[in-house]
Structures are given as structure tokens and as C-alpha cells.
Amino acid sequence: MEIGLVGLGRMGMNMGRRWIRGGHSVVAFNRSPEKTQELGKEGAVATTSLQELVSKLKTPRIVWLMLPAGAATEEHINTLLSLLSPNDIVIDGGNNYFKEDIRHADLLKAKGIRFLDAGVSGGIWGLKNGYCTMIGGDESAFKHMEPLFKTLAPNEGYIFCGGPGGGHFVKMVHNGIEYGMMQAYGEGFEILEASPYKLNLEKVSHVWNQASVVRSWLLELAEASFKNDPELSTISGYVEDSGEGRWTVQQAVETGVSAPIITLSLYQRFLSRQQDPFGFRVLAALRNQFGGHATVAASQKSHQTTVGAGRIQAASADKAAKPKGF
């Protein structure tokens, strides 16, 4: 098949490569031309603008946006409204909020353009292993594009999740679960690191992945991180969040679903970004006031910003890094 791909970050670039290697034709555009030229050397048709990309596609045109959620995606969808024709297909493959997908689907439908939202998981390893893909939106567009999804994903690695927003909704919850899993691993390894035993955390990670209940790809990434830096001394425990965890917690509140683990893991990420949180200073002051417990002077405190669990999460996130832009 033929597909237009807009956005060649770490995931977008490798998705394009996977399609090319699977025998599909890729017409590519990226804001920085070096990326477009790079994929062009590997078999893509390189273009210099969104307008040129659309002009080189056969109808019904398929345009996959692999862009950051928010302004960049909004800008490109608005531009495509004036460039595409009825029955063409737009796919938002970034990590957008599912309620925005519903709005975008309505905007495009008014012009007869079909819309799909695709939650894509696989990180920088997707070129080799395939991308687990969760798709929502127009079912006729999904069926038309199914050969592309089959090439993109591993065997049995894609699913149609219903109407507009369905794909990103399932991916949102997927990422919320990911937050909780990473937090549990971080806390567990911090307990091991603080133990009286001299443990090799790389070897512990490895043995846990040999048919244990807690084996996982995240644990493989932890093993790789400990192999490279056993003490994780070269990174800070500053852990970002890209939005999906917040949206998952918000959705839990809206639907009255108890989600304490995912919520706490999100709050721990917030905490990882603070040095000497004010709330902790309040706790120390209160203990001193009611019980006479000793406090530590600010000048005596370590400048270490975060605890080991945060460093472990940061290391795992770095191994499975997602693109921030294109």
C-alpha cells in the first residue's frame, strides 16, 4: 500500500522503515529536512512540505501524523482539512487525548474525510519487534488500512477499539498501567539496593526474567540499565510524565473508578522533580514541635534530588524513550 508519513522522530522514522521493508510505499515529510532525506535514502519518497506530500499520494490518500499531542497535531489537521478530499484518511498516531480525537473526527467528517486514532507502543525497539497498535475511529478506514497495521505490528499485535478516540483511550490506560509497573520496580530495587546484602541488581533482574511471576520487558530494560551503570550514578531520578498518566487518573475520577496505584505513581513522578519538597519540611517542623524530634539543618542536607526508585524509573524510561517531537 501507499502511506504518507508526517513526523520522523525516533518512533516515526522506524515505523517508516518497517513499512518500507514490508513492501509498502512511504511518502515522508518532516519539519527538519535531514530526517526526510535520511528516510529518502532508504526508499521513501522525500517531500519538503505537507502540500507536496499530499500531491504525491494516490486517492484515497492516507496520511499518518506521528506528532506531539497538542498544537503540532492541531496545526497539521487543520491544514489537511483544506488539502484532502472526501474518502481520504487521516491517522493520528501520537499520544493525543481521546476527547480531542472525537473533535478531530467530527471536523474531518464534515469534509467527508475519514479519521483514525492509533495508540502505538514499542518505543525505539519497534523496528525490530513491531509496534503494538490500538486503533479507533472509522471502521471502513481501518479495514482499508489493515495491511499497513499488519506490517507495523507483531503477530496479533493490533486491535480495533471502536469509534473515534477508542485507540488512544486504550493506549492511555496502557500507559497508566506502565506508570504503576515502573513505580513498583523502582521501589523494589531501592529496597534491594538498601539491603545488608551485596546484591548484583543486573543479575537479580536477569534471574527474575527467567519464568518468574514478575518477568517483563520493563525488567529486561532494568537489567540493561544496571549492566551499563550498576549504581545508576550517571543519571538523576528526575522522572517526567508525557500526559497519559494524568489523563488516566482524570478518567478514573470522572467514572468513579478507584485507581490508587496509578494515581500514586503519577504523584511520585511529580515528587521526583522536587529538591527538598516544602511539604516534607512541614512534616519535619511538626515532628519537632509536638515531640521534640531533631531536625536537620538545610546546610547539612544532601544535594541528591531524588531517591533510587526515581533513578530506576528514569533509566527504564530512557531505554524505552518516546519521541518528544518530529
C-alpha atoms as a PDB file:
ATOM      1  CA  MET A   1       0.000   0.000   0.000  1.00  0.00           C
ATOM      2  CA  GLU A   2       0.940   3.674  -0.067  1.00  0.00           C
ATOM      3  CA  ILE A   3       1.060   5.905   3.012  1.00  0.00           C
ATOM      4  CA  GLY A   4       2.061   9.481   3.736  1.00  0.00           C
ATOM      5  CA  LEU A   5       4.040   9.761   6.968  1.00  0.00           C
ATOM      6  CA  VAL A   6       4.400  13.102   8.732  1.00  0.00           C
ATOM      7  CA  GLY A   7       6.822  13.243  11.658  1.00  0.00           C
ATOM      8  CA  LEU A   8      10.089  11.311  11.718  1.00  0.00           C
ATOM      9  CA  GLY A   9      11.052  11.221  15.376  1.00  0.00           C
ATOM     10  CA  ARG A  10      12.550   8.086  16.883  1.00  0.00           C
ATOM     11  CA  MET A  11       9.301   6.164  16.522  1.00  0.00           C
ATOM     12  CA  GLY A  12       8.057   7.739  13.290  1.00  0.00           C
ATOM     13  CA  MET A  13      11.335   7.124  11.481  1.00  0.00           C
ATOM     14  CA  ASN A  14      11.426   3.444  12.439  1.00  0.00           C
ATOM     15  CA  MET A  15       7.753   2.968  11.585  1.00  0.00           C
ATOM     16  CA  GLY A  16       8.547   4.289   8.112  1.00  0.00           C
ATOM     17  CA  ARG A  17      11.450   1.870   7.838  1.00  0.00           C
ATOM     18  CA  ARG A  18       9.253  -1.036   8.895  1.00  0.00           C
ATOM     19  CA  TRP A  19       6.664  -0.194   6.215  1.00  0.00           C
ATOM     20  CA  ILE A  20       9.335   0.167   3.530  1.00  0.00           C
ATOM     21  CA  ARG A  21      10.869  -3.174   4.478  1.00  0.00           C
ATOM     22  CA  GLY A  22       7.384  -4.687   4.364  1.00  0.00           C
ATOM     23  CA  GLY A  23       6.951  -3.643   0.729  1.00  0.00           C
ATOM     24  CA  HIS A  24       4.788  -0.532   1.179  1.00  0.00           C
ATOM     25  CA  SER A  25       5.403   2.869  -0.427  1.00  0.00           C
ATOM     26  CA  VAL A  26       6.112   5.676   2.050  1.00  0.00           C
ATOM     27  CA  VAL A  27       5.874   9.352   1.174  1.00  0.00           C
ATOM     28  CA  ALA A  28       7.575  11.246   4.009  1.00  0.00           C
ATOM     29  CA  PHE A  29       7.716  14.762   5.407  1.00  0.00           C
ATOM     30  CA  ASN A  30       9.477  16.089   8.486  1.00  0.00           C
ATOM     31  CA  ARG A  31       9.952  19.607   9.749  1.00  0.00           C
ATOM     32  CA  SER A  32      13.743  19.132   9.766  1.00  0.00           C
ATOM     33  CA  PRO A  33      14.656  18.101   6.182  1.00  0.00           C
ATOM     34  CA  GLU A  34      17.642  15.992   7.270  1.00  0.00           C
ATOM     35  CA  LYS A  35      15.296  13.330   8.637  1.00  0.00           C
ATOM     36  CA  THR A  36      13.245  13.286   5.450  1.00  0.00           C
ATOM     37  CA  GLN A  37      16.374  12.924   3.343  1.00  0.00           C
ATOM     38  CA  GLU A  38      17.618  10.109   5.587  1.00  0.00           C
ATOM     39  CA  LEU A  39      14.444   8.074   5.061  1.00  0.00           C
ATOM     40  CA  GLY A  40      14.521   9.011   1.369  1.00  0.00           C
ATOM     41  CA  LYS A  41      17.878   7.251   1.047  1.00  0.00           C
ATOM     42  CA  GLU A  42      16.211   4.126   2.451  1.00  0.00           C
ATOM     43  CA  GLY A  43      13.423   4.052  -0.097  1.00  0.00           C
ATOM     44  CA  ALA A  44      10.849   6.676   0.900  1.00  0.00           C
ATOM     45  CA  VAL A  45       9.662   9.485  -1.345  1.00  0.00           C
ATOM     46  CA  ALA A  46      11.047  12.588   0.383  1.00  0.00           C
ATOM     47  CA  THR A  47       8.955  15.776   0.318  1.00  0.00           C
ATOM     48  CA  THR A  48       9.553  19.283   1.608  1.00  0.00           C
ATOM     49  CA  SER A  49       6.028  20.272   2.677  1.00  0.00           C
ATOM     50  CA  LEU A  50       2.697  18.851   3.699  1.00  0.00           C
ATOM     51  CA  GLN A  51       1.248  20.147   0.455  1.00  0.00           C
ATOM     52  CA  GLU A  52       3.851  18.293  -1.606  1.00  0.00           C
ATOM     53  CA  LEU A  53       3.286  15.107   0.384  1.00  0.00           C
ATOM     54  CA  VAL A  54      -0.468  15.192  -0.319  1.00  0.00           C
ATOM     55  CA  SER A  55       0.129  15.918  -4.019  1.00  0.00           C
ATOM     56  CA  LYS A  56       2.264  12.770  -4.388  1.00  0.00           C
ATOM     57  CA  LEU A  57      -0.316  10.380  -2.873  1.00  0.00           C
ATOM     58  CA  LYS A  58      -2.869   8.415  -4.863  1.00  0.00           C
ATOM     59  CA  THR A  59      -6.527   8.515  -3.803  1.00  0.00           C
ATOM     60  CA  PRO A  60      -7.835   7.579  -1.393  1.00  0.00           C
ATOM     61  CA  ARG A  61      -4.903   9.260   0.288  1.00  0.00           C
ATOM     62  CA  ILE A  62      -3.653   8.004   3.650  1.00  0.00           C
ATOM     63  CA  VAL A  63      -1.790  10.492   5.871  1.00  0.00           C
ATOM     64  CA  TRP A  64      -0.365   9.263   9.174  1.00  0.00           C
ATOM     65  CA  LEU A  65       0.576  12.016  11.658  1.00  0.00           C
ATOM     66  CA  MET A  66       3.275  10.969  14.126  1.00  0.00           C
ATOM     67  CA  LEU A  67       3.457  14.258  16.007  1.00  0.00           C
ATOM     68  CA  PRO A  68       3.381  15.522  19.596  1.00  0.00           C
ATOM     69  CA  ALA A  69      -0.089  15.924  21.076  1.00  0.00           C
ATOM     70  CA  GLY A  70      -1.461  19.432  21.103  1.00  0.00           C
ATOM     71  CA  ALA A  71      -0.507  22.350  18.883  1.00  0.00           C
ATOM     72  CA  ALA A  72       1.548  20.447  16.279  1.00  0.00           C
ATOM     73  CA  THR A  73      -1.171  17.867  15.653  1.00  0.00           C
ATOM     74  CA  GLU A  74      -3.879  20.531  15.634  1.00  0.00           C
ATOM     75  CA  GLU A  75      -1.994  22.629  13.071  1.00  0.00           C
ATOM     76  CA  HIS A  76      -1.487  19.723  10.692  1.00  0.00           C
ATOM     77  CA  ILE A  77      -5.071  18.502  10.909  1.00  0.00           C
ATOM     78  CA  ASN A  78      -6.336  21.994  10.144  1.00  0.00           C
ATOM     79  CA  THR A  79      -4.022  22.178   7.122  1.00  0.00           C
ATOM     80  CA  LEU A  80      -5.115  18.744   5.876  1.00  0.00           C
ATOM     81  CA  LEU A  81      -8.751  19.853   6.011  1.00  0.00           C
ATOM     82  CA  SER A  82      -8.047  22.076   3.013  1.00  0.00           C
ATOM     83  CA  LEU A  83      -5.737  19.650   1.184  1.00  0.00           C
ATOM     84  CA  LEU A  84      -7.555  16.316   1.320  1.00  0.00           C
ATOM     85  CA  SER A  85     -10.668  15.071  -0.484  1.00  0.00           C
ATOM     86  CA  PRO A  86     -13.697  13.034   0.612  1.00  0.00           C
ATOM     87  CA  ASN A  87     -12.866   9.425   1.442  1.00  0.00           C
ATOM     88  CA  ASP A  88      -9.207  10.222   2.240  1.00  0.00           C
ATOM     89  CA  ILE A  89      -7.911   9.039   5.614  1.00  0.00           C
ATOM     90  CA  VAL A  90      -6.073  10.866   8.412  1.00  0.00           C
ATOM     91  CA  ILE A  91      -4.486   8.863  11.239  1.00  0.00           C
ATOM     92  CA  ASP A  92      -3.264  10.499  14.446  1.00  0.00           C
ATOM     93  CA  GLY A  93      -0.560   8.135  15.725  1.00  0.00           C
ATOM     94  CA  GLY A  94       0.739  10.365  18.517  1.00  0.00           C
ATOM     95  CA  ASN A  95      -0.287  10.211  22.153  1.00  0.00           C
ATOM     96  CA  ASN A  96      -3.271  12.537  21.896  1.00  0.00           C
ATOM     97  CA  TYR A  97      -6.139  12.846  24.359  1.00  0.00           C
ATOM     98  CA  PHE A  98      -9.073  10.697  23.256  1.00  0.00           C
ATOM     99  CA  LYS A  99     -11.594  13.535  23.627  1.00  0.00           C
ATOM    100  CA  GLU A 100      -9.559  15.563  21.121  1.00  0.00           C
ATOM    101  CA  ASP A 101      -9.847  12.613  18.712  1.00  0.00           C
ATOM    102  CA  ILE A 102     -13.637  12.832  18.895  1.00  0.00           C
ATOM    103  CA  ARG A 103     -13.471  16.523  17.996  1.00  0.00           C
ATOM    104  CA  HIS A 104     -10.985  15.923  15.176  1.00  0.00           C
ATOM    105  CA  ALA A 105     -13.121  13.115  13.754  1.00  0.00           C
ATOM    106  CA  ASP A 106     -16.116  15.445  13.611  1.00  0.00           C
ATOM    107  CA  LEU A 107     -14.082  18.202  11.932  1.00  0.00           C
ATOM    108  CA  LEU A 108     -12.818  15.866   9.238  1.00  0.00           C
ATOM    109  CA  LYS A 109     -16.134  14.071   8.785  1.00  0.00           C
ATOM    110  CA  ALA A 110     -17.755  17.388   7.864  1.00  0.00           C
ATOM    111  CA  LYS A 111     -15.466  17.372   4.788  1.00  0.00           C
ATOM    112  CA  GLY A 112     -16.025  13.662   4.108  1.00  0.00           C
ATOM    113  CA  ILE A 113     -12.527  12.750   5.351  1.00  0.00           C
ATOM    114  CA  ARG A 114     -12.192   9.594   7.428  1.00  0.00           C
ATOM    115  CA  PHE A 115     -10.283   9.630  10.728  1.00  0.00           C
ATOM    116  CA  LEU A 116      -8.436   7.031  12.787  1.00  0.00           C
ATOM    117  CA  ASP A 117      -6.590   7.395  16.069  1.00  0.00           C
ATOM    118  CA  ALA A 118      -3.774   4.940  16.740  1.00  0.00           C
ATOM    119  CA  GLY A 119      -2.102   4.363  20.079  1.00  0.00           C
ATOM    120  CA  VAL A 120       1.324   2.945  19.292  1.00  0.00           C
ATOM    121  CA  SER A 121       3.565   1.192  21.819  1.00  0.00           C
ATOM    122  CA  GLY A 122       7.018  -0.186  21.180  1.00  0.00           C
ATOM    123  CA  GLY A 123       9.402   2.707  21.641  1.00  0.00           C
ATOM    124  CA  ILE A 124      12.792   2.578  19.994  1.00  0.00           C
ATOM    125  CA  TRP A 125      12.602  -1.229  19.805  1.00  0.00           C
ATOM    126  CA  GLY A 126       9.599  -1.280  17.476  1.00  0.00           C
ATOM    127  CA  LEU A 127      11.597  -1.521  14.253  1.00  0.00           C
ATOM    128  CA  LYS A 128      12.878  -4.942  15.319  1.00  0.00           C
ATOM    129  CA  ASN A 129       9.950  -6.220  17.404  1.00  0.00           C
ATOM    130  CA  GLY A 130       6.959  -4.469  15.838  1.00  0.00           C
ATOM    131  CA  TYR A 131       4.602  -1.870  17.286  1.00  0.00           C
ATOM    132  CA  CYS A 132       1.632  -2.890  19.402  1.00  0.00           C
ATOM    133  CA  THR A 133      -1.125  -0.753  17.875  1.00  0.00           C
ATOM    134  CA  MET A 134      -4.542   0.189  19.259  1.00  0.00           C
ATOM    135  CA  ILE A 135      -6.871   1.779  16.690  1.00  0.00           C
ATOM    136  CA  GLY A 136     -10.110   3.720  16.944  1.00  0.00           C
ATOM    137  CA  GLY A 137     -12.261   5.678  14.520  1.00  0.00           C
ATOM    138  CA  ASP A 138     -13.852   4.941  11.151  1.00  0.00           C
ATOM    139  CA  GLU A 139     -14.091   1.151  10.716  1.00  0.00           C
ATOM    140  CA  SER A 140     -14.088   1.315   6.910  1.00  0.00           C
ATOM    141  CA  ALA A 141     -10.783   3.210   7.077  1.00  0.00           C
ATOM    142  CA  PHE A 142      -9.401   0.599   9.474  1.00  0.00           C
ATOM    143  CA  LYS A 143     -10.321  -2.241   7.110  1.00  0.00           C
ATOM    144  CA  HIS A 144      -8.817  -0.375   4.145  1.00  0.00           C
ATOM    145  CA  MET A 145      -5.562   0.144   6.054  1.00  0.00           C
ATOM    146  CA  GLU A 146      -5.322  -3.272   7.673  1.00  0.00           C
ATOM    147  CA  PRO A 147      -2.340  -4.417   5.557  1.00  0.00           C
ATOM    148  CA  LEU A 148      -0.384  -1.454   6.932  1.00  0.00           C
ATOM    149  CA  PHE A 149      -1.300  -2.338  10.522  1.00  0.00           C
ATOM    150  CA  LYS A 150      -0.288  -5.950   9.929  1.00  0.00           C
ATOM    151  CA  THR A 151       3.135  -4.836   8.728  1.00  0.00           C
ATOM    152  CA  LEU A 152       3.573  -2.350  11.567  1.00  0.00           C
ATOM    153  CA  ALA A 153       2.643  -4.691  14.405  1.00  0.00           C
ATOM    154  CA  PRO A 154       3.986  -8.063  15.533  1.00  0.00           C
ATOM    155  CA  ASN A 155       1.767 -11.113  15.028  1.00  0.00           C
ATOM    156  CA  GLU A 156      -1.632 -10.476  16.685  1.00  0.00           C
ATOM    157  CA  GLY A 157      -0.284  -7.085  17.765  1.00  0.00           C
ATOM    158  CA  TYR A 158      -3.054  -4.718  16.668  1.00  0.00           C
ATOM    159  CA  ILE A 159      -6.705  -4.257  17.641  1.00  0.00           C
ATOM    160  CA  PHE A 160      -9.655  -2.137  16.528  1.00  0.00           C
ATOM    161  CA  CYS A 161     -11.105  -0.493  19.636  1.00  0.00           C
ATOM    162  CA  GLY A 162     -14.305   1.076  18.304  1.00  0.00           C
ATOM    163  CA  GLY A 163     -15.242   4.643  17.408  1.00  0.00           C
ATOM    164  CA  PRO A 164     -13.175   7.837  17.453  1.00  0.00           C
ATOM    165  CA  GLY A 165     -10.872   8.050  20.462  1.00  0.00           C
ATOM    166  CA  GLY A 166     -11.032   4.315  21.186  1.00  0.00           C
ATOM    167  CA  GLY A 167      -7.437   3.629  20.222  1.00  0.00           C
ATOM    168  CA  HIS A 168      -5.976   6.473  22.234  1.00  0.00           C
ATOM    169  CA  PHE A 169      -8.262   5.643  25.165  1.00  0.00           C
ATOM    170  CA  VAL A 170      -6.890   2.084  25.372  1.00  0.00           C
ATOM    171  CA  LYS A 171      -3.319   3.380  24.928  1.00  0.00           C
ATOM    172  CA  MET A 172      -3.918   5.962  27.675  1.00  0.00           C
ATOM    173  CA  VAL A 173      -4.865   3.252  30.164  1.00  0.00           C
ATOM    174  CA  HIS A 174      -1.938   1.133  28.915  1.00  0.00           C
ATOM    175  CA  ASN A 175       0.415   3.982  29.825  1.00  0.00           C
ATOM    176  CA  GLY A 176      -1.243   4.455  33.213  1.00  0.00           C
ATOM    177  CA  ILE A 177      -0.573   0.784  33.967  1.00  0.00           C
ATOM    178  CA  GLU A 178       3.001   1.307  32.775  1.00  0.00           C
ATOM    179  CA  TYR A 179       3.418   4.065  35.386  1.00  0.00           C
ATOM    180  CA  GLY A 180       2.332   1.724  38.160  1.00  0.00           C
ATOM    181  CA  MET A 181       4.597  -1.122  36.993  1.00  0.00           C
ATOM    182  CA  MET A 182       7.616   1.157  36.779  1.00  0.00           C
ATOM    183  CA  GLN A 183       6.929   2.530  40.252  1.00  0.00           C
ATOM    184  CA  ALA A 184       6.741  -0.980  41.728  1.00  0.00           C
ATOM    185  CA  TYR A 185      10.034  -1.991  40.098  1.00  0.00           C
ATOM    186  CA  GLY A 186      11.663   1.235  41.284  1.00  0.00           C
ATOM    187  CA  GLU A 187      10.574   0.711  44.885  1.00  0.00           C
ATOM    188  CA  GLY A 188      11.572  -2.965  44.870  1.00  0.00           C
ATOM    189  CA  PHE A 189      15.055  -2.318  43.556  1.00  0.00           C
ATOM    190  CA  GLU A 190      15.525   0.512  46.034  1.00  0.00           C
ATOM    191  CA  ILE A 191      14.755  -1.921  48.886  1.00  0.00           C
ATOM    192  CA  LEU A 192      17.284  -4.366  47.405  1.00  0.00           C
ATOM    193  CA  GLU A 193      19.896  -1.625  46.994  1.00  0.00           C
ATOM    194  CA  ALA A 194      19.474  -0.560  50.642  1.00  0.00           C
ATOM    195  CA  SER A 195      19.645  -4.120  51.998  1.00  0.00           C
ATOM    196  CA  PRO A 196      22.513  -5.563  54.104  1.00  0.00           C
ATOM    197  CA  TYR A 197      23.308  -7.958  51.234  1.00  0.00           C
ATOM    198  CA  LYS A 198      25.759  -7.185  48.451  1.00  0.00           C
ATOM    199  CA  LEU A 199      23.432  -7.760  45.515  1.00  0.00           C
ATOM    200  CA  ASN A 200      24.182  -7.511  41.833  1.00  0.00           C
ATOM    201  CA  LEU A 201      20.988  -5.880  40.563  1.00  0.00           C
ATOM    202  CA  GLU A 202      21.760  -6.751  36.957  1.00  0.00           C
ATOM    203  CA  LYS A 203      21.844 -10.448  37.897  1.00  0.00           C
ATOM    204  CA  VAL A 204      18.723 -10.125  40.060  1.00  0.00           C
ATOM    205  CA  SER A 205      16.892  -8.558  37.094  1.00  0.00           C
ATOM    206  CA  HIS A 206      18.111 -11.354  34.851  1.00  0.00           C
ATOM    207  CA  VAL A 207      17.049 -14.198  37.140  1.00  0.00           C
ATOM    208  CA  TRP A 208      13.636 -12.630  37.757  1.00  0.00           C
ATOM    209  CA  ASN A 209      13.081 -12.720  34.000  1.00  0.00           C
ATOM    210  CA  GLN A 210      13.588 -16.487  33.896  1.00  0.00           C
ATOM    211  CA  ALA A 211       9.943 -17.651  34.235  1.00  0.00           C
ATOM    212  CA  SER A 212       9.203 -15.685  37.426  1.00  0.00           C
ATOM    213  CA  VAL A 213       5.819 -14.057  38.003  1.00  0.00           C
ATOM    214  CA  VAL A 214       7.289 -10.541  37.683  1.00  0.00           C
ATOM    215  CA  ARG A 215       9.161 -11.102  34.391  1.00  0.00           C
ATOM    216  CA  SER A 216       8.568  -8.405  31.778  1.00  0.00           C
ATOM    217  CA  TRP A 217      10.116  -6.239  29.083  1.00  0.00           C
ATOM    218  CA  LEU A 218      10.483  -3.429  31.633  1.00  0.00           C
ATOM    219  CA  LEU A 219      12.570  -5.783  33.743  1.00  0.00           C
ATOM    220  CA  GLU A 220      14.738  -6.521  30.709  1.00  0.00           C
ATOM    221  CA  LEU A 221      15.272  -2.769  30.374  1.00  0.00           C
ATOM    222  CA  ALA A 222      16.174  -2.563  34.066  1.00  0.00           C
ATOM    223  CA  GLU A 223      18.745  -5.322  33.548  1.00  0.00           C
ATOM    224  CA  ALA A 224      20.261  -3.407  30.622  1.00  0.00           C
ATOM    225  CA  SER A 225      20.363  -0.220  32.713  1.00  0.00           C
ATOM    226  CA  PHE A 226      22.160  -1.929  35.619  1.00  0.00           C
ATOM    227  CA  LYS A 227      24.618  -3.533  33.200  1.00  0.00           C
ATOM    228  CA  ASN A 228      25.583  -0.127  31.830  1.00  0.00           C
ATOM    229  CA  ASP A 229      25.646   1.646  35.202  1.00  0.00           C
ATOM    230  CA  PRO A 230      25.273  -0.648  38.269  1.00  0.00           C
ATOM    231  CA  GLU A 231      24.673   2.252  40.686  1.00  0.00           C
ATOM    232  CA  LEU A 232      22.734   4.395  38.189  1.00  0.00           C
ATOM    233  CA  SER A 233      25.170   7.073  39.271  1.00  0.00           C
ATOM    234  CA  THR A 234      25.245   8.879  35.936  1.00  0.00           C
ATOM    235  CA  ILE A 235      21.564   9.866  35.888  1.00  0.00           C
ATOM    236  CA  SER A 236      19.238  11.849  38.107  1.00  0.00           C
ATOM    237  CA  GLY A 237      15.975  10.463  39.425  1.00  0.00           C
ATOM    238  CA  TYR A 238      14.046  13.261  37.743  1.00  0.00           C
ATOM    239  CA  VAL A 239      11.125  11.475  36.053  1.00  0.00           C
ATOM    240  CA  GLU A 240       8.909  13.258  33.524  1.00  0.00           C
ATOM    241  CA  ASP A 241       5.376  12.329  32.529  1.00  0.00           C
ATOM    242  CA  SER A 242       4.063  12.775  28.999  1.00  0.00           C
ATOM    243  CA  GLY A 243       0.371  13.252  29.835  1.00  0.00           C
ATOM    244  CA  GLU A 244      -1.238   9.831  29.548  1.00  0.00           C
ATOM    245  CA  GLY A 245      -0.871   9.073  33.258  1.00  0.00           C
ATOM    246  CA  ARG A 246      -2.644  12.321  34.152  1.00  0.00           C
ATOM    247  CA  TRP A 247      -5.432  11.572  31.685  1.00  0.00           C
ATOM    248  CA  THR A 248      -5.834   8.052  33.079  1.00  0.00           C
ATOM    249  CA  VAL A 249      -6.215   9.408  36.624  1.00  0.00           C
ATOM    250  CA  GLN A 250      -8.631  12.072  35.385  1.00  0.00           C
ATOM    251  CA  GLN A 251     -10.708   9.409  33.622  1.00  0.00           C
ATOM    252  CA  ALA A 252     -10.759   7.290  36.792  1.00  0.00           C
ATOM    253  CA  VAL A 253     -12.126  10.282  38.711  1.00  0.00           C
ATOM    254  CA  GLU A 254     -14.744  11.030  36.027  1.00  0.00           C
ATOM    255  CA  THR A 255     -16.020   7.444  36.021  1.00  0.00           C
ATOM    256  CA  GLY A 256     -15.699   6.800  39.748  1.00  0.00           C
ATOM    257  CA  VAL A 257     -13.117   4.034  39.370  1.00  0.00           C
ATOM    258  CA  SER A 258     -10.623   3.548  42.191  1.00  0.00           C
ATOM    259  CA  ALA A 259      -7.082   3.685  40.802  1.00  0.00           C
ATOM    260  CA  PRO A 260      -4.789   4.289  43.788  1.00  0.00           C
ATOM    261  CA  ILE A 261      -1.647   2.661  42.349  1.00  0.00           C
ATOM    262  CA  ILE A 262      -1.672   4.561  39.059  1.00  0.00           C
ATOM    263  CA  THR A 263      -2.529   7.789  40.889  1.00  0.00           C
ATOM    264  CA  LEU A 264       0.269   7.362  43.433  1.00  0.00           C
ATOM    265  CA  SER A 265       2.805   6.514  40.723  1.00  0.00           C
ATOM    266  CA  LEU A 266       1.916   9.765  38.943  1.00  0.00           C
ATOM    267  CA  TYR A 267       2.320  11.756  42.166  1.00  0.00           C
ATOM    268  CA  GLN A 268       5.694  10.095  42.785  1.00  0.00           C
ATOM    269  CA  ARG A 269       6.851  11.383  39.416  1.00  0.00           C
ATOM    270  CA  PHE A 270       5.863  14.882  40.498  1.00  0.00           C
ATOM    271  CA  LEU A 271       7.832  14.372  43.719  1.00  0.00           C
ATOM    272  CA  SER A 272      10.910  13.211  41.794  1.00  0.00           C
ATOM    273  CA  ARG A 273      11.240  16.680  40.283  1.00  0.00           C
ATOM    274  CA  GLN A 274      11.432  18.498  43.604  1.00  0.00           C
ATOM    275  CA  GLN A 275      14.515  19.121  45.670  1.00  0.00           C
ATOM    276  CA  ASP A 276      13.722  19.383  49.360  1.00  0.00           C
ATOM    277  CA  PRO A 277       9.903  19.500  48.968  1.00  0.00           C
ATOM    278  CA  PHE A 278       8.216  22.116  51.168  1.00  0.00           C
ATOM    279  CA  GLY A 279       5.667  19.567  52.384  1.00  0.00           C
ATOM    280  CA  PHE A 280       8.467  17.406  53.827  1.00  0.00           C
ATOM    281  CA  ARG A 281       9.872  20.451  55.644  1.00  0.00           C
ATOM    282  CA  VAL A 282       6.423  20.952  57.171  1.00  0.00           C
ATOM    283  CA  LEU A 283       6.473  17.329  58.400  1.00  0.00           C
ATOM    284  CA  ALA A 284       9.903  17.792  59.997  1.00  0.00           C
ATOM    285  CA  ALA A 285       8.795  21.027  61.674  1.00  0.00           C
ATOM    286  CA  LEU A 286       5.626  19.413  63.084  1.00  0.00           C
ATOM    287  CA  ARG A 287       7.555  16.427  64.490  1.00  0.00           C
ATOM    288  CA  ASN A 288       9.936  18.871  66.163  1.00  0.00           C
ATOM    289  CA  GLN A 289       7.063  20.878  67.628  1.00  0.00           C
ATOM    290  CA  PHE A 290       4.948  18.066  69.056  1.00  0.00           C
ATOM    291  CA  GLY A 291       7.678  15.599  70.016  1.00  0.00           C
ATOM    292  CA  GLY A 292      10.902  17.494  70.204  1.00  0.00           C
ATOM    293  CA  HIS A 293      12.313  15.337  67.408  1.00  0.00           C
ATOM    294  CA  ALA A 294      15.579  16.578  65.965  1.00  0.00           C
ATOM    295  CA  THR A 295      15.630  18.375  62.635  1.00  0.00           C
ATOM    296  CA  VAL A 296      18.461  18.576  60.105  1.00  0.00           C
ATOM    297  CA  ALA A 297      19.728  21.996  59.131  1.00  0.00           C
ATOM    298  CA  ALA A 298      19.270  22.904  55.490  1.00  0.00           C
ATOM    299  CA  SER A 299      23.032  23.344  55.088  1.00  0.00           C
ATOM    300  CA  GLN A 300      23.624  19.736  56.184  1.00  0.00           C
ATOM    301  CA  LYS A 301      21.284  18.081  53.717  1.00  0.00           C
ATOM    302  CA  SER A 302      22.485  16.135  50.714  1.00  0.00           C
ATOM    303  CA  HIS A 303      22.007  17.763  47.366  1.00  0.00           C
ATOM    304  CA  GLN A 304      20.797  14.446  45.911  1.00  0.00           C
ATOM    305  CA  THR A 305      17.499  15.445  44.361  1.00  0.00           C
ATOM    306  CA  THR A 306      15.714  12.116  44.340  1.00  0.00           C
ATOM    307  CA  VAL A 307      15.793   8.584  45.665  1.00  0.00           C
ATOM    308  CA  GLY A 308      16.888   5.412  43.906  1.00  0.00           C
ATOM    309  CA  ALA A 309      13.391   4.431  42.805  1.00  0.00           C
ATOM    310  CA  GLY A 310      13.262   7.597  40.734  1.00  0.00           C
ATOM    311  CA  ARG A 311      16.619   6.831  39.134  1.00  0.00           C
ATOM    312  CA  ILE A 312      15.434   3.332  38.224  1.00  0.00           C
ATOM    313  CA  GLN A 313      12.272   4.729  36.635  1.00  0.00           C
ATOM    314  CA  ALA A 314      14.314   7.323  34.767  1.00  0.00           C
ATOM    315  CA  ALA A 315      16.693   4.652  33.479  1.00  0.00           C
ATOM    316  CA  SER A 316      13.842   2.420  32.285  1.00  0.00           C
ATOM    317  CA  ALA A 317      12.141   5.364  30.617  1.00  0.00           C
ATOM    318  CA  ASP A 318      15.375   6.285  28.853  1.00  0.00           C
ATOM    319  CA  LYS A 319      15.713   2.739  27.488  1.00  0.00           C
ATOM    320  CA  ALA A 320      12.157   2.862  26.109  1.00  0.00           C
ATOM    321  CA  ALA A 321      12.250   6.521  25.167  1.00  0.00           C
ATOM    322  CA  LYS A 322       9.359   8.024  23.222  1.00  0.00           C
ATOM    323  CA  PRO A 323       9.850  10.880  20.785  1.00  0.00           C
ATOM    324  CA  LYS A 324       9.251  14.397  22.085  1.00  0.00           C
ATOM    325  CA  GLY A 325       8.937  15.902  18.628  1.00  0.00           C
ATOM    326  CA  PHE A 326       9.491  15.259  14.973  1.00  0.00           C
END
